[in-house]
Amino acid sequence: MAERLIVHIGPRKTGTTYLQRVMQQLSPELKTHGVLYPIDYRDKEDYNHVGAVTDLTHNEESKESNRWTGKDGSGWAGLASSIASWDGTAIISAEMIGGLRPAAARRMLDGLDFQQVDVVITLRDLGRILPSSWQQHVRNTHTQSYRHYLKRRSRERGAAAPVERQEEWDTQRHQTFWRSYAYGALVRRWQGLVGADRVTAVTLPPAGAPSSLLWDRFREALDVDALPAVAPQLPAFIANVGSSEVEAVFLHALNVEAKRRQWNRKTANELQQRLLATGMLERPERGAPLLLPPKFLPRVQKWAAADIEDLRTTGVTIYGDVDDLVVPDSAAARSRVRMDQLAATGAFATANAMAYEAALIRARQSREAAFSLPGRLARRIRDRLLGRRH
């Protein structure tokens, strides 16, 4: 049984992947100091615990889809077993924990063996969350446009104060977004599950702050001496780099075309990953970041202000500054998408895709030539020439 269990609730786009990757790298060293961050609990290495938690909760929290078909519970069993057999501090982290309804969250806690539990929640301002969330929506091959996505979030939010909306956010399955990002309600929900004094929050620093500041705050909130003062460096591709505005618009158009051609989502996702992995995110002129449309800015600022006041009423200890959650005027775009940059992004992606296919063709031809009679003769001649040179 773990003496202390720390549950990190990091809703998507709140620096969670970065923190999880850091703890993954630290995991072997942490074990020697009595701290468990499980990474090998289901016969492969994981950097987070999403797979395990969905093993337990997908039937009640997720719509039935091919994505979760075949879950057999082994991931959850492995995670629970590793914590039950540990007698020090254990840390788990999964983005989707924040979106669990109270019954599913209670079932998760009841399935883990610990003497004491502490919950640490990472929070990021809505001005950055909403654009990042749509980018992730696009990377998951969805075809809903940015404006329609924002209008949907607005309908789900409603006009009432957060404390009045909490019951619906807590009970309606489709309200996953506001269950995760209405921060006062999120804190209150978990205070009700584990106790008010067992929940703390960490705000993400504003854009332009030192990159080490998030780790400093997170480390202080966890209160685990074994965590180093300086986090290890991560490769950019591990740190989950976001898309620029033109890249997101291009990938959205790709999703729409893939749907028109009736490609399955796996095929569309593989093409996206290929384009991203072959240099799209390494272009020196990637364009401006995706921001809020100007007409949505006042609405989002109003939501953020209401959430900040609601968060203050919970009495939660905050590592960082609650004003980090204020949405500044700079969160809105000042101009439309530049067509020349969008065209350059599309041209780059097309050229990369063609180069990738050409490389596959050359590799196949090379393999075929190696087994043909002319290929074997050419190889013998080459080997003899090289032998004479030596």
Protein backbone atom coordinates (compact mmCIF):
# COMPACT_ATOMS: atom_id res chain seq x y z
CA MET A 1 0.00 0.00 0.00
CA ALA A 2 1.31 3.43 -0.95
CA GLU A 3 1.85 5.66 2.06
CA ARG A 4 0.94 8.70 -0.02
CA LEU A 5 -0.80 8.85 -3.39
CA ILE A 6 -0.54 12.03 -5.45
CA VAL A 7 -3.15 12.36 -8.20
CA HIS A 8 -2.07 14.90 -10.81
CA ILE A 9 -5.12 16.21 -12.65
CA GLY A 10 -3.78 18.00 -15.68
CA PRO A 11 -6.58 18.79 -18.12
CA ARG A 12 -5.33 18.72 -21.71
CA LYS A 13 -3.15 21.65 -22.74
CA THR A 14 -2.20 22.60 -19.18
CA GLY A 15 1.45 21.60 -19.53
CA THR A 16 0.54 18.02 -18.71
CA THR A 17 2.49 16.20 -21.41
CA TYR A 18 5.63 18.13 -20.47
CA LEU A 19 5.28 17.27 -16.78
CA GLN A 20 4.50 13.62 -17.54
CA ARG A 21 7.51 13.29 -19.86
CA VAL A 22 9.76 14.80 -17.22
CA MET A 23 8.49 12.36 -14.59
CA GLN A 24 8.88 9.49 -17.04
CA GLN A 25 12.56 10.35 -17.45
CA LEU A 26 12.97 10.72 -13.70
CA SER A 27 11.09 7.51 -12.85
CA PRO A 28 14.08 5.15 -12.44
CA GLU A 29 15.92 7.61 -10.19
CA LEU A 30 12.80 8.43 -8.18
CA LYS A 31 12.31 4.76 -7.34
CA THR A 32 15.65 4.71 -5.54
CA HIS A 33 14.31 7.49 -3.31
CA GLY A 34 11.03 5.77 -2.47
CA VAL A 35 8.88 7.55 -5.07
CA LEU A 36 6.93 5.58 -7.70
CA TYR A 37 5.86 7.09 -11.01
CA PRO A 38 4.65 3.92 -12.80
CA ILE A 39 5.78 3.64 -16.43
CA ASP A 40 5.96 -0.14 -17.00
CA TYR A 41 2.70 -1.44 -15.56
CA ARG A 42 1.22 -3.02 -18.70
CA ASP A 43 4.07 -4.72 -20.57
CA LYS A 44 5.16 -1.53 -22.31
CA GLU A 45 6.46 1.84 -21.24
CA ASP A 46 3.89 4.59 -20.74
CA TYR A 47 4.58 8.22 -19.92
CA ASN A 48 1.13 8.77 -18.39
CA HIS A 49 -1.77 6.76 -16.97
CA VAL A 50 -4.55 7.56 -19.43
CA GLY A 51 -4.70 3.98 -20.70
CA ALA A 52 -5.14 2.60 -17.21
CA VAL A 53 -7.85 5.05 -16.17
CA THR A 54 -9.82 4.55 -19.38
CA ASP A 55 -9.59 0.80 -18.76
CA LEU A 56 -11.58 1.41 -15.60
CA THR A 57 -13.96 4.20 -16.58
CA HIS A 58 -14.60 4.08 -20.34
CA ASN A 59 -17.91 2.24 -20.09
CA GLU A 60 -19.54 5.04 -18.08
CA GLU A 61 -17.55 8.05 -19.31
CA SER A 62 -16.95 7.52 -23.04
CA LYS A 63 -19.19 6.92 -26.00
CA GLU A 64 -18.77 3.48 -27.45
CA SER A 65 -16.31 3.71 -30.33
CA ASN A 66 -13.62 1.67 -31.99
CA ARG A 67 -11.04 3.62 -30.02
CA TRP A 68 -11.90 1.90 -26.75
CA THR A 69 -13.29 -1.40 -28.06
CA GLY A 70 -11.46 -4.36 -26.59
CA LYS A 71 -10.40 -2.78 -23.30
CA ASP A 72 -9.91 -5.73 -20.97
CA GLY A 73 -8.97 -3.94 -17.74
CA SER A 74 -5.40 -5.21 -17.68
CA GLY A 75 -3.92 -1.70 -17.78
CA TRP A 76 -5.87 -0.61 -14.73
CA ALA A 77 -5.10 -3.86 -12.93
CA GLY A 78 -1.38 -3.34 -13.58
CA LEU A 79 -1.41 0.24 -12.31
CA ALA A 80 -3.45 -0.60 -9.22
CA SER A 81 -1.20 -3.57 -8.44
CA SER A 82 2.00 -1.50 -8.72
CA ILE A 83 0.60 1.09 -6.28
CA ALA A 84 -0.70 -1.56 -3.87
CA SER A 85 2.75 -3.15 -3.68
CA TRP A 86 4.57 0.17 -3.09
CA ASP A 87 5.19 1.40 0.44
CA GLY A 88 6.37 4.95 -0.33
CA THR A 89 4.94 7.84 -2.34
CA ALA A 90 3.18 7.07 -5.63
CA ILE A 91 2.28 9.61 -8.34
CA ILE A 92 -0.27 9.13 -11.13
CA SER A 93 -1.10 11.58 -13.91
CA ALA A 94 -3.75 11.53 -16.62
CA GLU A 95 -5.37 14.36 -18.56
CA MET A 96 -8.83 12.84 -18.58
CA ILE A 97 -9.13 12.50 -14.79
CA GLY A 98 -10.40 16.09 -14.70
CA GLY A 99 -13.24 15.14 -17.01
CA LEU A 100 -14.48 12.25 -14.87
CA ARG A 101 -17.90 12.59 -13.30
CA PRO A 102 -17.95 12.18 -9.51
CA ALA A 103 -19.05 8.52 -9.52
CA ALA A 104 -16.26 7.51 -11.91
CA ALA A 105 -13.71 9.55 -9.96
CA ARG A 106 -14.78 7.84 -6.73
CA ARG A 107 -14.49 4.43 -8.38
CA MET A 108 -10.95 5.29 -9.48
CA LEU A 109 -9.92 6.29 -5.97
CA ASP A 110 -11.61 3.26 -4.44
CA GLY A 111 -9.63 1.01 -6.77
CA LEU A 112 -6.26 2.27 -5.49
CA ASP A 113 -4.60 1.23 -2.25
CA PHE A 114 -3.18 4.17 -0.29
CA GLN A 115 -3.06 5.64 3.20
CA GLN A 116 -3.23 9.33 2.18
CA VAL A 117 -4.19 11.05 -1.07
CA ASP A 118 -3.33 14.52 -2.34
CA VAL A 119 -4.69 16.04 -5.55
CA VAL A 120 -2.70 18.56 -7.61
CA ILE A 121 -4.51 20.33 -10.46
CA THR A 122 -2.74 22.30 -13.21
CA LEU A 123 -4.66 25.29 -14.63
CA ARG A 124 -4.15 27.39 -17.75
CA ASP A 125 -6.03 30.49 -18.94
CA LEU A 126 -8.96 29.95 -21.30
CA GLY A 127 -7.45 32.33 -23.85
CA ARG A 128 -4.80 29.70 -24.55
CA ILE A 129 -6.90 26.63 -23.73
CA LEU A 130 -9.61 27.15 -26.36
CA PRO A 131 -7.29 27.57 -29.40
CA SER A 132 -5.09 24.68 -28.21
CA SER A 133 -8.13 22.52 -27.61
CA TRP A 134 -9.37 23.03 -31.18
CA GLN A 135 -5.89 22.25 -32.51
CA GLN A 136 -6.01 18.96 -30.62
CA HIS A 137 -9.52 18.42 -31.99
CA VAL A 138 -8.07 18.81 -35.48
CA ARG A 139 -5.15 16.47 -34.75
CA ASN A 140 -7.71 13.87 -33.69
CA THR A 141 -9.07 14.17 -37.28
CA HIS A 142 -12.34 15.97 -36.42
CA THR A 143 -13.86 18.23 -39.07
CA GLN A 144 -15.71 20.84 -36.99
CA SER A 145 -14.55 24.35 -37.88
CA TYR A 146 -12.92 26.61 -35.31
CA ARG A 147 -15.89 28.97 -35.08
CA HIS A 148 -18.41 26.16 -34.77
CA TYR A 149 -16.21 24.58 -32.11
CA LEU A 150 -16.21 27.82 -30.09
CA LYS A 151 -19.98 28.22 -30.49
CA ARG A 152 -20.45 24.69 -29.19
CA ARG A 153 -18.32 25.46 -26.12
CA SER A 154 -20.42 28.60 -25.59
CA ARG A 155 -23.71 26.67 -25.70
CA GLU A 156 -22.35 24.15 -23.18
CA ARG A 157 -21.15 26.91 -20.88
CA GLY A 158 -24.49 28.69 -20.63
CA ALA A 159 -25.10 32.10 -19.08
CA ALA A 160 -25.48 31.19 -15.39
CA ALA A 161 -22.75 31.45 -12.76
CA PRO A 162 -20.38 28.44 -12.41
CA VAL A 163 -21.82 27.38 -9.05
CA GLU A 164 -25.26 27.20 -10.67
CA ARG A 165 -23.94 25.23 -13.66
CA GLN A 166 -21.90 22.74 -11.65
CA GLU A 167 -24.63 20.14 -11.23
CA GLU A 168 -25.07 19.84 -15.00
CA TRP A 169 -21.31 19.82 -15.59
CA ASP A 170 -20.95 17.07 -12.98
CA THR A 171 -23.73 14.85 -14.30
CA GLN A 172 -23.97 15.25 -18.10
CA ARG A 173 -21.52 13.06 -19.97
CA HIS A 174 -21.16 15.47 -22.91
CA GLN A 175 -20.01 18.27 -20.58
CA THR A 176 -16.44 16.98 -20.41
CA PHE A 177 -14.92 20.29 -21.51
CA TRP A 178 -16.38 22.47 -18.76
CA ARG A 179 -16.01 19.68 -16.24
CA SER A 180 -12.27 20.05 -16.90
CA TYR A 181 -11.89 23.80 -17.47
CA ALA A 182 -14.41 25.51 -15.15
CA TYR A 183 -11.72 25.58 -12.51
CA GLY A 184 -13.70 26.51 -9.41
CA ALA A 185 -16.15 23.70 -10.10
CA LEU A 186 -13.28 21.29 -10.80
CA VAL A 187 -11.59 22.09 -7.49
CA ARG A 188 -14.88 21.87 -5.59
CA ARG A 189 -15.65 18.46 -7.09
CA TRP A 190 -12.36 17.01 -5.92
CA GLN A 191 -12.51 18.71 -2.55
CA GLY A 192 -15.79 16.84 -2.08
CA LEU A 193 -14.03 13.57 -2.94
CA VAL A 194 -10.81 13.84 -0.93
CA GLY A 195 -11.24 16.78 1.46
CA ALA A 196 -10.70 20.52 1.05
CA ASP A 197 -7.21 20.42 2.58
CA ARG A 198 -6.05 17.70 0.15
CA VAL A 199 -6.44 19.67 -3.08
CA THR A 200 -3.95 22.22 -4.41
CA ALA A 201 -3.71 24.03 -7.75
CA VAL A 202 -0.83 25.13 -9.98
CA THR A 203 -1.29 27.94 -12.52
CA LEU A 204 0.65 27.89 -15.77
CA PRO A 205 2.84 30.97 -16.13
CA PRO A 206 1.85 33.49 -18.81
CA ALA A 207 3.38 33.36 -22.26
CA GLY A 208 6.97 34.57 -22.24
CA ALA A 209 7.71 33.43 -18.67
CA PRO A 210 10.83 31.30 -18.05
CA SER A 211 10.27 27.71 -19.17
CA SER A 212 11.45 26.43 -15.78
CA LEU A 213 8.73 28.23 -13.84
CA LEU A 214 6.03 25.59 -14.37
CA TRP A 215 8.32 22.86 -13.06
CA ASP A 216 9.22 25.02 -10.05
CA ARG A 217 5.56 25.48 -9.15
CA PHE A 218 4.61 21.86 -9.79
CA ARG A 219 7.52 20.56 -7.73
CA GLU A 220 6.55 22.83 -4.83
CA ALA A 221 2.93 21.70 -4.98
CA LEU A 222 3.85 18.00 -4.95
CA ASP A 223 6.15 18.51 -1.94
CA VAL A 224 8.33 15.52 -2.86
CA ASP A 225 11.98 16.03 -1.88
CA ALA A 226 13.23 13.51 -4.45
CA LEU A 227 12.14 15.71 -7.39
CA PRO A 228 15.15 17.66 -8.69
CA ALA A 229 15.20 21.45 -8.69
CA VAL A 230 16.07 21.43 -12.40
CA ALA A 231 13.96 19.31 -14.75
CA PRO A 232 15.73 17.27 -17.46
CA GLN A 233 15.63 18.68 -20.98
CA LEU A 234 13.13 17.13 -23.40
CA PRO A 235 13.36 16.87 -27.19
CA ALA A 236 10.85 19.20 -28.89
CA PHE A 237 8.87 16.33 -30.41
CA ILE A 238 8.28 14.88 -26.95
CA ALA A 239 7.16 18.22 -25.55
CA ASN A 240 4.00 18.18 -27.70
CA VAL A 241 4.63 21.32 -29.77
CA GLY A 242 1.42 23.03 -30.89
CA SER A 243 0.46 23.94 -34.44
CA SER A 244 0.52 27.47 -35.82
CA GLU A 245 -2.65 29.09 -37.15
CA VAL A 246 -2.00 28.23 -40.80
CA GLU A 247 -0.94 24.67 -39.92
CA ALA A 248 -4.14 24.10 -37.96
CA VAL A 249 -6.27 25.51 -40.79
CA PHE A 250 -4.44 23.34 -43.33
CA LEU A 251 -4.81 20.17 -41.24
CA HIS A 252 -8.51 20.93 -40.71
CA ALA A 253 -8.96 21.21 -44.49
CA LEU A 254 -7.12 17.88 -44.83
CA ASN A 255 -9.58 16.28 -42.40
CA VAL A 256 -12.55 17.61 -44.37
CA GLU A 257 -11.12 16.23 -47.61
CA ALA A 258 -10.32 12.88 -45.98
CA LYS A 259 -13.91 12.66 -44.79
CA ARG A 260 -15.20 13.53 -48.27
CA ARG A 261 -13.09 10.69 -49.66
CA GLN A 262 -14.47 8.41 -46.92
CA TRP A 263 -11.07 7.61 -45.46
CA ASN A 264 -11.18 6.08 -42.03
CA ARG A 265 -9.86 8.23 -39.19
CA LYS A 266 -6.82 6.01 -38.70
CA THR A 267 -5.68 6.69 -42.27
CA ALA A 268 -6.23 10.43 -41.91
CA ASN A 269 -4.38 10.49 -38.61
CA GLU A 270 -1.42 8.58 -40.07
CA LEU A 271 -1.16 11.13 -42.89
CA GLN A 272 -1.25 13.99 -40.40
CA GLN A 273 1.45 12.42 -38.28
CA ARG A 274 3.61 11.86 -41.34
CA LEU A 275 3.34 15.51 -42.37
CA LEU A 276 4.08 16.72 -38.85
CA ALA A 277 6.98 14.31 -38.39
CA THR A 278 8.63 15.14 -41.72
CA GLY A 279 9.34 18.72 -40.82
CA MET A 280 6.12 20.78 -40.71
CA LEU A 281 6.79 21.72 -37.09
CA GLU A 282 10.46 22.51 -37.84
CA ARG A 283 9.86 25.10 -40.57
CA PRO A 284 11.51 28.43 -39.67
CA GLU A 285 8.50 30.43 -40.97
CA ARG A 286 5.57 28.59 -39.41
CA GLY A 287 3.33 31.64 -39.09
CA ALA A 288 1.53 33.17 -36.13
CA PRO A 289 -0.02 31.08 -33.34
CA LEU A 290 -3.72 30.32 -33.41
CA LEU A 291 -5.59 32.88 -31.29
CA LEU A 292 -9.21 33.63 -30.46
CA PRO A 293 -11.43 35.32 -33.05
CA PRO A 294 -11.88 38.95 -31.92
CA LYS A 295 -15.63 38.69 -31.45
CA PHE A 296 -15.20 35.79 -28.99
CA LEU A 297 -12.66 37.62 -26.82
CA PRO A 298 -15.11 39.52 -24.52
CA ARG A 299 -17.10 36.34 -23.93
CA VAL A 300 -14.02 34.30 -23.02
CA GLN A 301 -12.72 37.10 -20.77
CA LYS A 302 -16.06 37.10 -18.96
CA TRP A 303 -15.90 33.32 -18.45
CA ALA A 304 -12.36 33.57 -17.12
CA ALA A 305 -13.26 36.33 -14.69
CA ALA A 306 -16.21 34.31 -13.37
CA ASP A 307 -14.01 31.22 -12.96
CA ILE A 308 -11.31 33.16 -11.13
CA GLU A 309 -13.82 34.49 -8.61
CA ASP A 310 -15.34 31.03 -8.25
CA LEU A 311 -11.88 29.53 -7.71
CA ARG A 312 -11.17 32.03 -4.95
CA THR A 313 -14.30 30.94 -3.07
CA THR A 314 -12.96 27.37 -2.77
CA GLY A 315 -10.07 28.44 -0.54
CA VAL A 316 -7.71 26.17 -2.50
CA THR A 317 -3.97 26.76 -2.09
CA ILE A 318 -2.57 28.02 -5.39
CA TYR A 319 1.07 27.69 -6.45
CA GLY A 320 1.60 30.53 -8.85
CA ASP A 321 -0.67 33.51 -9.33
CA VAL A 322 -4.44 33.32 -9.84
CA ASP A 323 -4.10 36.32 -12.18
CA ASP A 324 -2.27 33.97 -14.56
CA LEU A 325 -5.79 32.84 -15.49
CA VAL A 326 -6.84 36.30 -16.71
CA VAL A 327 -7.38 36.36 -20.49
CA PRO A 328 -5.51 39.38 -21.94
CA ASP A 329 -6.62 41.38 -24.98
CA SER A 330 -3.62 39.92 -26.83
CA ALA A 331 -5.35 36.51 -26.78
CA ALA A 332 -7.37 37.59 -29.85
CA ALA A 333 -6.12 37.62 -33.43
CA ARG A 334 -5.62 41.03 -35.06
CA SER A 335 -5.76 39.88 -38.65
CA ARG A 336 -7.10 37.11 -40.84
CA VAL A 337 -5.13 34.06 -41.94
CA ARG A 338 -2.52 35.07 -44.49
CA MET A 339 -3.21 33.25 -47.73
CA ASP A 340 0.44 33.25 -48.79
CA GLN A 341 1.45 31.50 -45.56
CA LEU A 342 -1.41 29.02 -45.90
CA ALA A 343 -0.33 28.28 -49.49
CA ALA A 344 3.28 27.85 -48.36
CA THR A 345 2.20 25.42 -45.65
CA GLY A 346 0.18 23.38 -48.14
CA ALA A 347 3.03 23.38 -50.67
CA PHE A 348 5.51 22.28 -48.02
CA ALA A 349 3.24 19.46 -46.84
CA THR A 350 2.57 18.32 -50.43
CA ALA A 351 6.28 18.31 -51.32
CA ASN A 352 7.10 16.37 -48.16
CA ALA A 353 4.40 13.81 -48.89
CA MET A 354 5.73 13.36 -52.45
CA ALA A 355 9.31 13.04 -51.21
CA TYR A 356 8.21 10.46 -48.65
CA GLU A 357 6.41 8.38 -51.30
CA ALA A 358 9.38 8.69 -53.66
CA ALA A 359 11.70 7.39 -50.93
CA LEU A 360 9.40 4.41 -50.37
CA ILE A 361 9.42 3.64 -54.11
CA ARG A 362 13.22 3.86 -54.28
CA ALA A 363 13.57 1.58 -51.27
CA ARG A 364 11.20 -0.97 -52.80
CA GLN A 365 12.99 -0.87 -56.15
CA SER A 366 16.31 -1.33 -54.37
CA ARG A 367 15.00 -4.39 -52.54
CA GLU A 368 13.57 -5.85 -55.74
CA ALA A 369 16.80 -5.18 -57.64
CA ALA A 370 18.82 -6.97 -54.99
CA PHE A 371 16.97 -10.21 -55.74
CA SER A 372 16.93 -9.93 -59.56
CA LEU A 373 19.63 -11.42 -61.82
CA PRO A 374 20.88 -8.02 -63.09
CA GLY A 375 20.88 -6.80 -59.50
CA ARG A 376 22.98 -9.73 -58.30
CA LEU A 377 25.46 -9.27 -61.18
CA ALA A 378 25.75 -5.55 -60.47
CA ARG A 379 26.39 -6.29 -56.80
CA ARG A 380 29.17 -8.80 -57.64
CA ILE A 381 30.86 -6.33 -59.97
CA ARG A 382 30.64 -3.61 -57.33
CA ASP A 383 32.05 -5.90 -54.63
CA ARG A 384 34.97 -6.92 -56.83
CA LEU A 385 35.78 -3.32 -57.69
CA LEU A 386 35.68 -2.34 -54.05
CA GLY A 387 37.85 -5.35 -53.18
CA ARG A 388 40.51 -4.32 -55.68
CA ARG A 389 40.59 -0.79 -54.25
CA HIS A 390 41.34 -2.21 -50.82
